[in-house]
Amino acid sequence: MNEVYAVVTQLEGEKYAVSSLCKTLGVCRSAYYAWRKNQCSVRRREDLGLKPMIQEIFLENERRYGARRIAKDLAAGGERCSRRRVGRLMKELRLFAIQPRTFKPRTTDSRHGLGYSPNLLMDTAPPKKINRVWVGDITYIPLVGGNFLYLAMLMDRYSRRIVGWDLQDHMQESLVLRALQSAIALRQPPAGLIHHTDRGGQYAGTKYRQVLGRSQMQQSMSRANDCYDNAFMESCFGSLKTELEMKPYQNRSIAQKELPRYIRYYNIRRRHSAIDYLSPEVFEGLSR
């Protein structure tokens, strides 16, 4: 009988008269209304149980998760709940996730005489394993007073894991070199890995290319004046700045504490839509 009542509820939502539906399906209208009232009470009790779980996940992730990611977290814990239902309960709880900002590409200064490498990604299929393609870039980290720090990162394109990074008060070659060396020490990549960045002079430096050569990596660079060739890193930096609600840091020391903390979160905890809403660490574990 529950199945019949469920059909009546569905058709009622499509503007059919309850009296006609109950007569056609041979059920008592008063019994249907009693069932529906009970169902509403059960669902409301379930909602009351879900709310503290939703709030806990939301706060654990520091307002970075919307309804879709929270629903995935609930499902991972054995509590299946639709994205729409989570969204409704979040609205009731007045929980509003941090919203991404409009993407504004920046222009890389590639006016140097160090030579450029071809874009190997244009004719290469997406990687099927870790340590096949790394992508890298540099972004600005603002400080109070108008100064900047510079964050260089390398990401494994397959798993979206940040494999190497460095933070300095300059954009010299040593900045990106330290990020590369830390990634190599951590991952020990096989020969043939494609290393893709923009055309910035830091990536074309002699020392940097020597390290790439010793590690038998293939250097790849974006096409001239086309930042979308490196959209993976642009997206990563966009997430970082949005989810940290980045404003100028009071000093370098504070930035040096907060950014590593976020990178650990990004790698270990944060669910990524591009890898089936898993964290990079979990995704890599399942891919082995």
Protein backbone atom coordinates (compact mmCIF):
# COMPACT_ATOMS: atom_id res chain seq x y z
CA MET A 1 0.00 0.00 0.00
CA ASN A 2 2.93 2.34 0.66
CA GLU A 3 3.84 2.06 -3.02
CA VAL A 4 0.31 3.06 -4.07
CA TYR A 5 0.35 6.01 -1.69
CA ALA A 6 3.73 7.07 -3.09
CA VAL A 7 2.22 7.07 -6.60
CA VAL A 8 -0.64 9.24 -5.39
CA THR A 9 1.88 11.68 -3.85
CA GLN A 10 3.86 11.85 -7.08
CA LEU A 11 0.78 12.44 -9.25
CA GLU A 12 -0.59 14.94 -6.75
CA GLY A 13 2.57 16.95 -7.31
CA GLU A 14 1.68 16.99 -10.99
CA LYS A 15 -1.62 18.74 -10.15
CA TYR A 16 -3.95 15.73 -10.26
CA ALA A 17 -6.87 15.78 -7.79
CA VAL A 18 -6.32 13.51 -4.76
CA SER A 19 -9.98 12.43 -4.72
CA SER A 20 -9.81 11.25 -8.33
CA LEU A 21 -6.48 9.49 -7.81
CA CYS A 22 -7.68 7.63 -4.70
CA LYS A 23 -10.89 6.57 -6.45
CA THR A 24 -9.02 5.34 -9.52
CA LEU A 25 -6.43 3.43 -7.50
CA GLY A 26 -9.00 2.05 -5.04
CA VAL A 27 -7.61 3.54 -1.83
CA CYS A 28 -9.26 5.43 1.00
CA ARG A 29 -8.59 9.15 0.83
CA SER A 30 -8.55 9.62 4.62
CA ALA A 31 -6.11 6.71 4.97
CA TYR A 32 -3.87 8.32 2.33
CA TYR A 33 -3.86 11.64 4.19
CA ALA A 34 -3.02 9.87 7.46
CA TRP A 35 -0.14 8.06 5.72
CA ARG A 36 1.15 11.29 4.19
CA LYS A 37 1.07 13.07 7.54
CA ASN A 38 3.05 10.25 9.11
CA GLN A 39 5.54 10.28 6.24
CA CYS A 40 6.06 14.01 6.70
CA SER A 41 6.72 13.47 10.40
CA VAL A 42 9.27 10.72 9.68
CA ARG A 43 11.06 12.89 7.11
CA ARG A 44 11.13 15.81 9.50
CA ARG A 45 12.68 13.64 12.21
CA GLU A 46 15.29 12.55 9.67
CA ASP A 47 15.94 16.20 8.82
CA LEU A 48 16.51 16.97 12.49
CA GLY A 49 19.08 14.17 12.61
CA LEU A 50 20.81 15.34 9.45
CA LYS A 51 21.15 18.98 10.43
CA PRO A 52 23.91 18.59 13.05
CA MET A 53 25.87 16.32 10.68
CA ILE A 54 25.59 18.87 7.86
CA GLN A 55 26.64 21.67 10.19
CA GLU A 56 29.62 19.69 11.45
CA ILE A 57 30.88 18.95 7.91
CA PHE A 58 30.32 22.58 6.90
CA LEU A 59 32.30 23.94 9.85
CA GLU A 60 35.04 21.29 9.60
CA ASN A 61 35.68 22.49 6.05
CA GLU A 62 35.58 26.14 7.10
CA ARG A 63 32.58 27.08 4.91
CA ARG A 64 34.27 25.76 1.75
CA TYR A 65 31.75 22.96 1.07
CA GLY A 66 28.43 23.47 -0.68
CA ALA A 67 25.52 21.02 -0.83
CA ARG A 68 27.09 18.68 -3.39
CA ARG A 69 30.32 18.07 -1.45
CA ILE A 70 28.48 17.77 1.86
CA ALA A 71 26.16 15.15 0.32
CA LYS A 72 29.25 13.22 -0.82
CA ASP A 73 30.71 13.41 2.70
CA LEU A 74 27.45 12.16 4.20
CA ALA A 75 27.34 9.26 1.73
CA ALA A 76 30.94 8.34 2.59
CA GLY A 77 29.81 8.05 6.20
CA GLY A 78 26.87 5.81 5.26
CA GLU A 79 24.22 8.55 5.35
CA ARG A 80 22.76 8.88 1.87
CA CYS A 81 21.08 12.21 1.22
CA SER A 82 20.37 14.05 -2.04
CA ARG A 83 22.16 17.27 -2.90
CA ARG A 84 18.81 19.06 -3.10
CA ARG A 85 17.84 17.96 0.40
CA VAL A 86 21.20 19.03 1.80
CA GLY A 87 20.76 22.39 0.08
CA ARG A 88 17.33 22.86 1.64
CA LEU A 89 18.61 22.00 5.12
CA MET A 90 21.62 24.29 4.68
CA LYS A 91 19.25 27.12 3.84
CA GLU A 92 17.22 26.38 6.97
CA LEU A 93 20.45 26.41 8.99
CA ARG A 94 21.56 29.60 7.23
CA LEU A 95 24.80 27.96 6.09
CA PHE A 96 26.19 29.64 2.98
CA ALA A 97 29.36 28.35 1.36
CA ILE A 98 32.11 30.66 0.16
CA GLN A 99 31.37 31.50 -3.47
CA PRO A 100 34.06 31.41 -6.17
CA ARG A 101 35.07 34.68 -7.71
CA THR A 102 34.99 35.39 -11.42
CA PHE A 103 38.11 34.05 -13.08
CA LYS A 104 40.34 36.86 -14.35
CA PRO A 105 43.37 35.52 -16.18
CA ARG A 106 46.69 37.22 -15.61
CA THR A 107 49.31 37.75 -18.29
CA THR A 108 52.68 36.07 -17.80
CA ASP A 109 55.76 38.11 -18.59
CA SER A 110 57.46 35.91 -21.17
CA ARG A 111 59.70 38.58 -22.63
CA HIS A 112 63.00 36.80 -22.24
CA GLY A 113 65.62 35.34 -24.53
CA LEU A 114 65.93 31.94 -22.87
CA GLY A 115 63.88 30.06 -25.44
CA TYR A 116 60.52 28.30 -25.19
CA SER A 117 59.40 24.69 -25.15
CA PRO A 118 56.49 23.40 -27.25
CA ASN A 119 53.08 22.69 -25.73
CA LEU A 120 53.19 18.89 -25.40
CA LEU A 121 49.72 18.69 -23.84
CA MET A 122 47.97 19.67 -27.06
CA ASP A 123 48.75 16.30 -28.70
CA THR A 124 48.82 14.16 -25.55
CA ALA A 125 45.89 12.22 -24.09
CA PRO A 126 44.98 13.01 -20.47
CA PRO A 127 47.17 11.05 -18.04
CA LYS A 128 45.91 7.71 -16.71
CA LYS A 129 48.39 7.44 -13.82
CA ILE A 130 50.14 9.65 -11.31
CA ASN A 131 53.52 11.19 -12.17
CA ARG A 132 52.81 11.35 -15.90
CA VAL A 133 51.97 15.08 -16.15
CA TRP A 134 52.80 17.84 -13.68
CA VAL A 135 51.56 21.39 -14.16
CA GLY A 136 53.03 24.42 -12.42
CA ASP A 137 52.59 28.15 -11.96
CA ILE A 138 53.23 31.13 -9.66
CA THR A 139 50.68 33.36 -7.95
CA TYR A 140 50.79 36.51 -5.85
CA ILE A 141 50.05 36.49 -2.11
CA PRO A 142 49.26 40.04 -0.91
CA LEU A 143 50.65 41.54 2.28
CA VAL A 144 49.45 44.61 4.19
CA GLY A 145 51.27 47.67 2.94
CA GLY A 146 51.19 46.72 -0.73
CA ASN A 147 53.99 44.13 -0.74
CA PHE A 148 53.67 40.57 -2.03
CA LEU A 149 54.86 37.05 -1.44
CA TYR A 150 55.00 34.61 -4.33
CA LEU A 151 53.74 31.04 -4.22
CA ALA A 152 55.06 28.50 -6.75
CA MET A 153 53.27 25.15 -6.97
CA LEU A 154 53.42 21.94 -8.98
CA MET A 155 50.32 19.76 -9.31
CA ASP A 156 49.92 16.18 -10.52
CA ARG A 157 47.34 16.64 -13.26
CA TYR A 158 45.92 13.12 -12.86
CA SER A 159 45.19 13.24 -9.14
CA ARG A 160 45.11 17.04 -8.59
CA ARG A 161 47.58 16.63 -5.72
CA ILE A 162 49.99 19.47 -4.98
CA VAL A 163 53.32 17.66 -5.19
CA GLY A 164 55.70 20.57 -4.63
CA TRP A 165 55.54 24.21 -3.60
CA ASP A 166 57.57 27.10 -2.22
CA LEU A 167 56.75 30.55 -0.84
CA GLN A 168 59.21 33.46 -1.09
CA ASP A 169 59.28 37.24 -1.33
CA HIS A 170 60.63 37.16 -4.90
CA MET A 171 59.88 35.54 -8.28
CA GLN A 172 63.40 34.49 -9.16
CA GLU A 173 64.33 31.11 -10.60
CA SER A 174 65.19 29.74 -7.14
CA LEU A 175 61.51 30.01 -6.16
CA VAL A 176 60.28 27.55 -8.78
CA LEU A 177 63.46 25.47 -8.49
CA ARG A 178 62.78 24.73 -4.81
CA ALA A 179 59.20 23.73 -5.63
CA LEU A 180 60.50 21.37 -8.33
CA GLN A 181 63.20 19.85 -6.11
CA SER A 182 60.71 19.20 -3.30
CA ALA A 183 58.33 17.50 -5.77
CA ILE A 184 61.09 15.26 -7.14
CA ALA A 185 62.23 14.30 -3.64
CA LEU A 186 58.65 13.45 -2.64
CA ARG A 187 57.49 11.61 -5.77
CA GLN A 188 60.60 10.17 -7.45
CA PRO A 189 58.89 10.35 -10.86
CA PRO A 190 59.77 8.02 -13.74
CA ALA A 191 61.55 9.22 -16.89
CA GLY A 192 59.36 10.84 -19.51
CA LEU A 193 57.09 12.86 -17.19
CA ILE A 194 55.67 15.95 -18.93
CA HIS A 195 56.35 19.12 -16.94
CA HIS A 196 54.00 21.89 -18.14
CA THR A 197 54.02 25.58 -17.17
CA ASP A 198 53.51 28.98 -18.75
CA ARG A 199 56.31 30.77 -20.58
CA GLY A 200 57.66 32.59 -17.54
CA GLY A 201 61.40 33.14 -17.54
CA GLN A 202 61.81 31.33 -14.21
CA TYR A 203 60.89 28.04 -15.90
CA ALA A 204 63.32 28.67 -18.76
CA GLY A 205 66.33 29.26 -16.52
CA THR A 206 69.52 27.25 -16.97
CA LYS A 207 69.47 25.63 -13.52
CA TYR A 208 65.80 24.75 -13.80
CA ARG A 209 66.26 23.07 -17.17
CA GLN A 210 69.30 21.22 -15.88
CA VAL A 211 67.21 19.67 -13.09
CA LEU A 212 64.50 18.73 -15.60
CA GLY A 213 67.15 17.15 -17.81
CA ARG A 214 68.73 15.14 -15.01
CA SER A 215 65.27 13.86 -14.03
CA GLN A 216 64.53 13.03 -17.69
CA MET A 217 61.39 15.19 -17.72
CA GLN A 218 59.91 16.59 -20.91
CA GLN A 219 59.41 20.34 -20.65
CA SER A 220 56.17 21.76 -22.04
CA MET A 221 55.01 25.38 -22.11
CA SER A 222 51.73 27.14 -22.86
CA ARG A 223 51.25 28.95 -26.15
CA ALA A 224 52.01 32.66 -26.23
CA ASN A 225 49.36 34.86 -24.56
CA ASP A 226 47.07 31.92 -23.80
CA CYS A 227 46.76 31.44 -20.04
CA TYR A 228 43.94 28.92 -20.57
CA ASP A 229 46.59 26.41 -21.69
CA ASN A 230 47.41 26.14 -17.98
CA ALA A 231 43.83 26.26 -16.73
CA PHE A 232 44.40 23.49 -14.16
CA MET A 233 46.75 25.65 -12.12
CA GLU A 234 44.65 28.77 -12.64
CA SER A 235 41.69 26.82 -11.21
CA CYS A 236 43.77 25.60 -8.27
CA PHE A 237 44.91 29.11 -7.41
CA GLY A 238 41.35 30.34 -7.78
CA SER A 239 40.15 27.76 -5.25
CA LEU A 240 42.96 28.62 -2.86
CA LYS A 241 42.28 32.35 -2.87
CA THR A 242 38.51 31.96 -2.74
CA GLU A 243 38.39 29.35 0.01
CA LEU A 244 40.91 31.23 2.13
CA GLU A 245 38.88 34.40 1.48
CA MET A 246 42.29 35.85 0.87
CA LYS A 247 42.95 39.39 2.01
CA PRO A 248 46.38 40.95 2.55
CA TYR A 249 48.21 39.10 5.33
CA GLN A 250 49.53 41.19 8.18
CA ASN A 251 52.98 39.69 7.75
CA ARG A 252 54.93 36.87 6.12
CA SER A 253 54.84 34.70 9.24
CA ILE A 254 51.03 34.44 9.18
CA ALA A 255 51.02 33.54 5.48
CA GLN A 256 53.70 30.89 6.07
CA LYS A 257 51.42 29.21 8.62
CA GLU A 258 48.10 29.45 6.77
CA LEU A 259 49.16 28.44 3.25
CA PRO A 260 50.82 25.11 4.18
CA ARG A 261 47.76 24.29 6.28
CA TYR A 262 45.48 24.88 3.29
CA ILE A 263 47.70 22.84 0.95
CA ARG A 264 47.51 19.88 3.36
CA TYR A 265 43.74 20.29 3.46
CA TYR A 266 43.62 20.52 -0.36
CA ASN A 267 45.57 17.28 -0.73
CA ILE A 268 44.16 15.19 2.10
CA ARG A 269 40.65 16.36 2.92
CA ARG A 270 39.12 18.49 0.15
CA ARG A 271 36.79 16.72 -2.27
CA HIS A 272 37.49 17.55 -5.93
CA SER A 273 34.73 17.38 -8.53
CA ALA A 274 37.22 16.40 -11.26
CA ILE A 275 38.12 13.15 -9.45
CA ASP A 276 34.63 11.97 -8.50
CA TYR A 277 34.50 14.11 -5.35
CA LEU A 278 37.39 12.30 -3.71
CA SER A 279 40.40 13.93 -2.11
CA PRO A 280 43.70 13.61 -4.05
CA GLU A 281 45.12 11.35 -1.33
CA VAL A 282 42.15 8.96 -1.43
CA PHE A 283 42.04 9.05 -5.25
CA GLU A 284 45.72 8.14 -5.50
CA GLY A 285 45.25 5.32 -3.01
CA LEU A 286 42.41 3.83 -5.06
CA SER A 287 44.39 4.23 -8.30
CA ARG A 288 47.31 2.10 -7.21
